[in-house]
Amino acid sequence: MSETDIRIEHIKIKNLIEFAERAIGSAQEGQFVPITMQRAIAHAHNPYAAKDDIALLAAIDSDDEVVGYFGILPLLLRKADELIKVHWFTTWLVSSKVRGRGVGSRLMHEALTLDKDYLIVGSVHARRVCQKYGFWERQPLIYFWLDTTGMGRLNPLTWVLRLFRKMLHILRVDKPAEIVNAATKSIDQAVAPLTQKIFYALLTKAQAEILEGFRFREVPQIHADPPNPTRRPKTELHRGVDAVNWMLSHPWVLETGHSVTENMDYYFSDARPLYRLIALEVYTHEDEYKGFVVFSVSQKGSGVMLKTLDYRFTNPSDYRCVLALAIKLGCQYQAETIEIPDEVAVHLKDSLLGKLLLHGKQRVYQCMPKAEDSPLAQSWQDITLHLYDGDMAFS
């Protein structure tokens, strides 16, 4: 099969569910598929998309089989009170059947001909590829993982291995990853249950007083933004309550046994043994609405992770209750890792527990403006980024 035997089709929002039903319905177990049904349905309900917006580029061979895809997700950029449509790259993959034949490049070139402002946040590999295409970058977003077992720093083998890796790097020798991983994991598995119990007890005690100052209500949908939120950035990626509720109603990940594509070849998040979205509205004891926070709890392999997906408060000082709630829910689900934004982690950073358990992370955002004077190009360095920006909040 030559590259010319493959055509690129533009799948619009209004046709996406039908396309997904056709592609998935004709696929066999283990076959490469371009989208899951839950993603297709979610895209179709995007409050910031129009019916004629392109949601997916599909590379299709002469046998009418999809062999590559490129996902596009409309969103809004807010400059002061003006809302401007821009787009996320959400997925990009080529089947192993045609890998190395330029199909991935064709998909990217096709996307760049659509005259749209694009943003992407993704893997190290995706970043490198986008750099080759001239995508712009900016300072990475800083956020934190709270290691509730403490083994990231307490595992004695970790200290030895850091020195070992440095020596191997100097000698230009590849480290034996399988031996390293097996050794560290065996110690983690033996000690982590005990250290996690201790650290959760200490973290819960430290946050107990904060929880006593609020009343929390778990809800299926957030009823409204908090009144008069302060310090709203002048330029940011807009994410109103309509988008938060869209995410809650149409998650991209389902629990095992509920996704029709989980036994097919779909590279991105599809199904996990545990996946829950937890939306909480926060009130004072006098019933004053303070804001909301949304978490996800999910299991990959044997580990459970709790993520902060979204949050909005009248007063930024109330971010402290996000940390307290994250720890409470993390303890409930025995999450090994809790992901929190920098402005939430600040309430723990300076404590002894914070110095031991918090691990700084970086998320790199890139963009490709459609023109040098496009809205995204003009705003790129001024955008205030948040941990919930991007398609990661859905998965």
Protein backbone atom coordinates (compact mmCIF):
# COMPACT_ATOMS: atom_id res chain seq x y z
CA MET A 1 0.00 0.00 0.00
CA SER A 2 1.40 3.38 -1.00
CA GLU A 3 0.81 6.73 0.69
CA THR A 4 -1.40 7.76 -2.23
CA ASP A 5 -3.79 4.89 -1.42
CA ILE A 6 -4.75 6.66 1.79
CA ARG A 7 -7.23 9.53 1.90
CA ILE A 8 -7.87 11.99 4.73
CA GLU A 9 -11.52 12.58 5.65
CA HIS A 10 -12.82 15.51 7.72
CA ILE A 11 -15.37 14.29 10.27
CA LYS A 12 -17.62 17.07 11.52
CA ILE A 13 -19.26 17.25 14.92
CA LYS A 14 -22.69 16.58 13.41
CA ASN A 15 -21.44 13.35 11.78
CA LEU A 16 -19.12 12.12 14.52
CA ILE A 17 -21.45 9.72 16.35
CA GLU A 18 -22.53 8.06 13.11
CA PHE A 19 -18.88 7.76 12.02
CA ALA A 20 -17.92 6.23 15.38
CA GLU A 21 -20.78 3.73 15.26
CA ARG A 22 -19.72 2.66 11.78
CA ALA A 23 -16.00 2.41 12.59
CA ILE A 24 -16.50 0.58 15.88
CA GLY A 25 -19.36 -1.60 14.66
CA SER A 26 -17.28 -3.09 11.86
CA ALA A 27 -14.13 -3.56 13.97
CA GLN A 28 -12.95 -6.89 15.34
CA GLU A 29 -11.42 -7.51 18.77
CA GLY A 30 -7.94 -5.99 18.89
CA GLN A 31 -8.48 -3.88 15.75
CA PHE A 32 -7.28 -0.28 15.48
CA VAL A 33 -10.15 2.17 16.07
CA PRO A 34 -10.12 5.99 15.69
CA ILE A 35 -12.38 7.01 18.57
CA THR A 36 -14.45 5.56 21.41
CA MET A 37 -18.22 5.97 21.59
CA GLN A 38 -17.97 7.93 24.83
CA ARG A 39 -15.57 10.41 23.25
CA ALA A 40 -17.73 10.76 20.16
CA ILE A 41 -20.82 11.45 22.27
CA ALA A 42 -18.87 13.90 24.43
CA HIS A 43 -17.57 15.82 21.40
CA ALA A 44 -21.10 15.99 20.02
CA HIS A 45 -22.24 17.75 23.22
CA ASN A 46 -19.36 20.24 23.44
CA PRO A 47 -21.03 23.56 24.42
CA TYR A 48 -18.29 25.51 22.62
CA ALA A 49 -18.51 23.63 19.32
CA ALA A 50 -20.68 24.21 16.26
CA LYS A 51 -22.21 21.34 14.30
CA ASP A 52 -19.97 22.03 11.30
CA ASP A 53 -16.75 22.17 13.32
CA ILE A 54 -14.28 19.43 12.37
CA ALA A 55 -13.75 17.07 15.32
CA LEU A 56 -11.64 14.34 13.73
CA LEU A 57 -9.35 13.79 10.78
CA ALA A 58 -9.39 10.14 9.70
CA ALA A 59 -6.80 8.50 7.47
CA ILE A 60 -8.59 5.77 5.50
CA ASP A 61 -6.98 3.17 3.26
CA SER A 62 -8.26 1.66 0.00
CA ASP A 63 -10.14 -1.02 1.95
CA ASP A 64 -12.06 1.71 3.84
CA GLU A 65 -10.24 0.87 7.07
CA VAL A 66 -9.18 3.72 9.36
CA VAL A 67 -5.38 3.63 9.77
CA GLY A 68 -4.77 6.96 11.48
CA TYR A 69 -6.58 9.77 13.24
CA PHE A 70 -6.17 13.28 14.56
CA GLY A 71 -8.62 14.69 17.14
CA ILE A 72 -9.59 18.37 17.32
CA LEU A 73 -11.50 19.90 20.25
CA PRO A 74 -12.99 23.43 20.03
CA LEU A 75 -12.70 25.69 23.09
CA LEU A 76 -12.80 29.39 23.88
CA LEU A 77 -10.06 31.91 24.62
CA ARG A 78 -11.19 34.80 26.80
CA LYS A 79 -9.52 38.19 26.38
CA ALA A 80 -11.14 40.55 28.89
CA ASP A 81 -14.84 40.01 28.03
CA GLU A 82 -14.29 38.76 24.48
CA LEU A 83 -14.58 35.02 23.73
CA ILE A 84 -12.67 33.66 20.71
CA LYS A 85 -12.77 30.09 19.40
CA VAL A 86 -9.49 28.17 19.40
CA HIS A 87 -8.83 24.40 19.27
CA TRP A 88 -7.01 21.68 21.19
CA PHE A 89 -5.23 18.80 19.53
CA THR A 90 -6.56 15.83 21.54
CA THR A 91 -5.41 12.64 19.82
CA TRP A 92 -2.93 11.75 17.10
CA LEU A 93 -2.03 8.19 16.21
CA VAL A 94 -1.24 5.96 13.24
CA SER A 95 -1.88 2.23 12.98
CA SER A 96 1.16 -0.06 13.10
CA LYS A 97 0.08 -1.30 9.64
CA VAL A 98 1.15 1.97 8.00
CA ARG A 99 3.62 3.41 10.50
CA GLY A 100 6.68 4.94 8.86
CA ARG A 101 4.85 5.79 5.62
CA GLY A 102 4.19 9.45 6.33
CA VAL A 103 0.56 9.09 7.39
CA GLY A 104 1.14 10.92 10.68
CA SER A 105 2.78 13.82 8.83
CA ARG A 106 -0.10 13.99 6.38
CA LEU A 107 -2.58 14.21 9.25
CA MET A 108 -0.62 17.04 10.87
CA HIS A 109 -0.28 18.94 7.57
CA GLU A 110 -3.99 18.50 6.93
CA ALA A 111 -4.82 19.91 10.36
CA LEU A 112 -2.57 22.91 9.77
CA THR A 113 -4.38 23.73 6.51
CA LEU A 114 -7.69 24.26 8.31
CA ASP A 115 -6.86 27.87 9.27
CA LYS A 116 -7.36 27.46 13.01
CA ASP A 117 -5.53 28.51 16.16
CA TYR A 118 -4.27 25.31 17.85
CA LEU A 119 -3.01 24.40 21.32
CA ILE A 120 -1.62 21.12 22.60
CA VAL A 121 -0.49 19.65 25.90
CA GLY A 122 0.74 16.10 25.79
CA SER A 123 3.54 13.61 26.05
CA VAL A 124 7.26 14.21 25.70
CA HIS A 125 7.12 12.53 22.28
CA ALA A 126 4.28 14.78 21.08
CA ARG A 127 6.19 17.83 22.28
CA ARG A 128 9.26 16.87 20.29
CA VAL A 129 7.24 16.27 17.14
CA CYS A 130 5.42 19.59 17.51
CA GLN A 131 8.74 21.39 17.98
CA LYS A 132 9.78 20.09 14.56
CA TYR A 133 6.67 21.70 13.07
CA GLY A 134 7.55 25.04 14.63
CA PHE A 135 5.03 25.08 17.46
CA TRP A 136 5.51 27.85 20.00
CA GLU A 137 6.25 27.12 23.64
CA ARG A 138 6.22 29.09 26.87
CA GLN A 139 7.22 28.56 30.48
CA PRO A 140 5.74 25.27 31.74
CA LEU A 141 2.88 25.14 34.22
CA ILE A 142 4.03 24.02 37.67
CA TYR A 143 1.84 21.65 39.68
CA PHE A 144 2.38 18.95 42.32
CA TRP A 145 1.91 15.30 43.11
CA LEU A 146 1.33 14.45 46.76
CA ASP A 147 2.93 11.04 47.38
CA THR A 148 0.82 9.70 50.24
CA THR A 149 3.17 6.75 50.83
CA GLY A 150 6.28 8.91 51.06
CA MET A 151 8.21 6.21 49.26
CA GLY A 152 9.36 8.60 46.56
CA ARG A 153 11.83 9.95 49.08
CA LEU A 154 11.86 7.35 51.87
CA ASN A 155 12.73 4.27 49.84
CA PRO A 156 16.44 3.75 50.67
CA LEU A 157 17.03 2.01 47.37
CA THR A 158 15.94 5.19 45.60
CA TRP A 159 18.91 7.05 47.07
CA VAL A 160 21.32 4.32 45.98
CA LEU A 161 19.79 4.15 42.52
CA ARG A 162 20.10 7.89 41.97
CA LEU A 163 23.85 7.58 42.50
CA PHE A 164 23.88 4.43 40.37
CA ARG A 165 22.09 6.21 37.50
CA LYS A 166 24.52 9.12 37.66
CA MET A 167 27.44 6.71 37.40
CA LEU A 168 25.86 4.90 34.46
CA HIS A 169 25.16 8.23 32.76
CA ILE A 170 28.81 9.26 33.16
CA LEU A 171 29.87 5.89 31.74
CA ARG A 172 27.22 6.14 29.01
CA VAL A 173 25.74 2.79 29.95
CA ASP A 174 22.01 2.09 29.76
CA LYS A 175 20.52 1.28 33.16
CA PRO A 176 18.90 -2.16 33.63
CA ALA A 177 15.37 -0.78 33.95
CA GLU A 178 13.68 -4.11 34.71
CA ILE A 179 16.01 -4.82 37.65
CA VAL A 180 15.75 -1.27 38.98
CA ASN A 181 11.96 -1.25 38.78
CA ALA A 182 11.55 -4.69 40.33
CA ALA A 183 13.82 -3.84 43.27
CA THR A 184 12.22 -0.50 44.09
CA LYS A 185 8.70 -1.87 43.65
CA SER A 186 9.32 -4.77 46.00
CA ILE A 187 10.36 -2.38 48.76
CA ASP A 188 7.44 -0.06 48.01
CA GLN A 189 4.94 -2.90 48.17
CA ALA A 190 6.30 -4.10 51.50
CA VAL A 191 6.54 -0.73 53.26
CA ALA A 192 4.04 1.60 51.53
CA PRO A 193 0.86 0.30 53.24
CA LEU A 194 2.31 1.21 56.63
CA THR A 195 3.74 4.58 55.64
CA GLN A 196 0.55 5.51 53.79
CA LYS A 197 -1.53 4.81 56.89
CA ILE A 198 0.78 7.01 58.98
CA PHE A 199 0.90 9.88 56.48
CA TYR A 200 -2.84 9.92 55.86
CA ALA A 201 -3.40 10.12 59.61
CA LEU A 202 -0.99 13.07 59.87
CA LEU A 203 -2.39 14.84 56.80
CA THR A 204 -6.00 14.35 57.94
CA LYS A 205 -5.25 15.72 61.38
CA ALA A 206 -3.54 18.78 59.89
CA GLN A 207 -6.55 19.57 57.66
CA ALA A 208 -9.39 18.69 60.08
CA GLU A 209 -9.93 22.25 61.30
CA ILE A 210 -10.28 23.57 57.74
CA LEU A 211 -13.03 21.09 56.91
CA GLU A 212 -14.95 22.12 60.02
CA GLY A 213 -15.28 25.64 58.62
CA PHE A 214 -17.27 24.59 55.53
CA ARG A 215 -20.21 22.47 54.47
CA PHE A 216 -19.85 20.27 51.39
CA ARG A 217 -22.46 18.82 49.08
CA GLU A 218 -21.73 16.23 46.38
CA VAL A 219 -23.73 17.05 43.26
CA PRO A 220 -24.21 15.55 39.77
CA GLN A 221 -23.94 19.03 38.20
CA ILE A 222 -22.53 22.35 39.43
CA HIS A 223 -25.42 24.80 39.74
CA ALA A 224 -23.45 28.04 39.16
CA ASP A 225 -20.15 29.83 39.28
CA PRO A 226 -19.41 31.30 42.73
CA PRO A 227 -20.61 34.91 43.11
CA ASN A 228 -18.13 37.69 42.30
CA PRO A 229 -14.99 35.55 41.90
CA THR A 230 -11.91 37.66 42.56
CA ARG A 231 -8.61 37.87 40.70
CA ARG A 232 -9.98 36.58 37.41
CA PRO A 233 -7.11 36.69 34.92
CA LYS A 234 -7.46 39.15 32.07
CA THR A 235 -6.58 36.45 29.53
CA GLU A 236 -7.28 32.75 30.01
CA LEU A 237 -8.81 29.71 28.36
CA HIS A 238 -12.48 30.02 29.15
CA ARG A 239 -14.09 27.18 31.07
CA GLY A 240 -17.52 28.08 32.33
CA VAL A 241 -19.85 25.98 34.44
CA ASP A 242 -21.42 24.72 31.19
CA ALA A 243 -18.08 23.13 30.26
CA VAL A 244 -17.61 21.65 33.74
CA ASN A 245 -21.08 20.08 33.63
CA TRP A 246 -20.40 18.82 30.10
CA MET A 247 -17.34 17.01 31.47
CA LEU A 248 -19.36 15.56 34.35
CA SER A 249 -22.12 14.34 32.02
CA HIS A 250 -19.83 12.91 29.32
CA PRO A 251 -16.57 11.51 30.72
CA TRP A 252 -14.12 10.06 28.23
CA VAL A 253 -13.15 7.20 30.55
CA LEU A 254 -15.57 4.52 31.75
CA GLU A 255 -15.15 1.78 34.29
CA THR A 256 -14.09 -1.62 32.98
CA GLY A 257 -16.95 -3.48 31.39
CA HIS A 258 -18.80 -0.38 30.18
CA SER A 259 -16.82 0.67 27.08
CA VAL A 260 -17.50 -1.12 23.79
CA THR A 261 -13.95 -0.44 22.60
CA GLU A 262 -11.93 -1.59 25.63
CA ASN A 263 -10.88 -4.81 23.84
CA MET A 264 -9.95 -2.94 20.66
CA ASP A 265 -6.78 -1.05 19.80
CA TYR A 266 -7.49 2.45 21.08
CA TYR A 267 -4.31 3.97 22.47
CA PHE A 268 -5.80 6.71 24.64
CA SER A 269 -7.81 6.52 27.86
CA ASP A 270 -10.80 4.25 27.41
CA ALA A 271 -11.66 2.10 30.46
CA ARG A 272 -10.15 1.59 33.91
CA PRO A 273 -11.03 -0.72 36.82
CA LEU A 274 -11.98 2.36 38.84
CA TYR A 275 -13.01 5.75 37.47
CA ARG A 276 -15.23 8.26 39.24
CA LEU A 277 -15.84 11.98 38.94
CA ILE A 278 -16.68 13.69 42.23
CA ALA A 279 -18.18 17.21 42.12
CA LEU A 280 -18.53 19.09 45.39
CA GLU A 281 -20.14 22.45 46.07
CA VAL A 282 -18.77 24.34 49.06
CA TYR A 283 -20.87 26.44 51.47
CA THR A 284 -20.44 28.16 54.78
CA HIS A 285 -22.53 26.91 57.67
CA GLU A 286 -24.77 29.91 56.97
CA ASP A 287 -25.45 28.52 53.46
CA GLU A 288 -23.30 31.07 51.62
CA TYR A 289 -22.10 29.54 48.35
CA LYS A 290 -18.30 29.75 48.24
CA GLY A 291 -17.42 27.71 45.15
CA PHE A 292 -16.91 24.21 43.81
CA VAL A 293 -14.25 21.60 43.16
CA VAL A 294 -14.24 18.53 40.90
CA PHE A 295 -11.99 15.51 41.42
CA SER A 296 -11.42 12.26 39.57
CA VAL A 297 -10.35 9.04 41.20
CA SER A 298 -8.97 6.37 38.92
CA GLN A 299 -7.01 3.17 38.98
CA LYS A 300 -4.28 2.23 36.54
CA GLY A 301 -2.81 -1.17 37.29
CA SER A 302 -2.76 -1.55 41.05
CA GLY A 303 -2.33 2.14 41.89
CA VAL A 304 -5.08 4.66 42.62
CA MET A 305 -4.70 8.35 41.76
CA LEU A 306 -6.86 11.30 42.76
CA LYS A 307 -6.73 14.37 40.47
CA THR A 308 -7.99 17.90 40.95
CA LEU A 309 -9.88 18.52 37.71
CA ASP A 310 -11.50 21.90 38.29
CA TYR A 311 -12.24 24.42 41.03
CA ARG A 312 -13.65 27.92 41.34
CA PHE A 313 -14.05 30.06 44.48
CA THR A 314 -15.12 33.57 45.38
CA ASN A 315 -12.03 33.99 47.53
CA PRO A 316 -8.69 32.35 46.62
CA SER A 317 -7.98 31.88 50.33
CA ASP A 318 -10.60 29.13 50.22
CA TYR A 319 -8.32 27.03 48.01
CA ARG A 320 -7.17 25.54 51.32
CA CYS A 321 -10.40 23.54 51.44
CA VAL A 322 -9.50 21.99 48.05
CA LEU A 323 -6.40 20.51 49.68
CA ALA A 324 -8.37 19.31 52.70
CA LEU A 325 -11.03 17.69 50.50
CA ALA A 326 -8.39 16.07 48.28
CA ILE A 327 -6.75 14.49 51.32
CA LYS A 328 -10.10 13.34 52.73
CA LEU A 329 -11.12 11.68 49.45
CA GLY A 330 -7.62 10.34 48.87
CA CYS A 331 -7.79 8.62 52.24
CA GLN A 332 -11.25 7.25 51.45
CA TYR A 333 -10.03 5.67 48.19
CA GLN A 334 -6.51 4.95 49.45
CA ALA A 335 -5.00 6.96 46.60
CA GLU A 336 -1.24 6.63 46.37
CA THR A 337 -0.94 9.93 44.50
CA ILE A 338 -2.96 13.16 44.70
CA GLU A 339 -2.53 15.72 41.91
CA ILE A 340 -3.03 19.35 42.97
CA PRO A 341 -2.36 22.78 41.41
CA ASP A 342 0.39 25.05 42.67
CA GLU A 343 -2.04 27.49 44.30
CA VAL A 344 -3.48 24.62 46.36
CA ALA A 345 -0.12 23.02 47.17
CA VAL A 346 1.05 26.33 48.66
CA HIS A 347 -1.01 25.53 51.77
CA LEU A 348 1.22 22.49 52.42
CA LYS A 349 4.56 23.39 50.85
CA ASP A 350 6.27 24.92 53.88
CA SER A 351 5.31 22.19 56.33
CA LEU A 352 7.52 19.20 57.09
CA LEU A 353 4.92 16.90 55.52
CA GLY A 354 4.85 19.02 52.40
CA LYS A 355 8.62 18.96 52.01
CA LEU A 356 8.60 15.20 52.35
CA LEU A 357 5.53 14.29 50.30
CA LEU A 358 5.13 16.97 47.60
CA HIS A 359 6.86 16.43 44.26
CA GLY A 360 6.96 19.28 41.72
CA LYS A 361 5.81 18.53 38.16
CA GLN A 362 5.80 20.50 34.92
CA ARG A 363 3.27 20.56 32.10
CA VAL A 364 4.35 22.05 28.78
CA TYR A 365 1.81 23.83 26.59
CA GLN A 366 2.44 24.52 22.90
CA CYS A 367 0.52 26.40 20.25
CA MET A 368 0.43 26.87 16.51
CA PRO A 369 -1.33 30.13 15.59
CA LYS A 370 -3.02 30.30 12.21
CA ALA A 371 -1.29 33.66 11.59
CA GLU A 372 1.23 35.95 13.26
CA ASP A 373 -1.56 38.36 14.18
CA SER A 374 -4.22 35.82 15.17
CA PRO A 375 -5.90 36.13 18.60
CA LEU A 376 -3.92 33.21 19.97
CA ALA A 377 -0.62 34.57 18.64
CA GLN A 378 -1.25 37.97 20.20
CA SER A 379 -2.29 36.47 23.55
CA TRP A 380 0.09 33.52 23.86
CA GLN A 381 2.48 34.92 26.46
CA ASP A 382 -0.33 36.62 28.39
CA ILE A 383 -2.58 33.59 28.93
CA THR A 384 -2.87 32.54 32.56
CA LEU A 385 -2.82 28.74 32.43
CA HIS A 386 -4.57 26.47 34.93
CA LEU A 387 -4.13 22.81 35.79
CA TYR A 388 -7.52 22.02 34.28
CA ASP A 389 -6.61 23.55 30.88
CA GLY A 390 -6.41 20.98 28.11
CA ASP A 391 -8.12 17.69 27.40
CA MET A 392 -6.59 16.04 30.49
CA ALA A 393 -9.53 17.05 32.66
CA PHE A 394 -11.59 14.48 30.74
CA SER A 395 -9.25 11.56 31.30
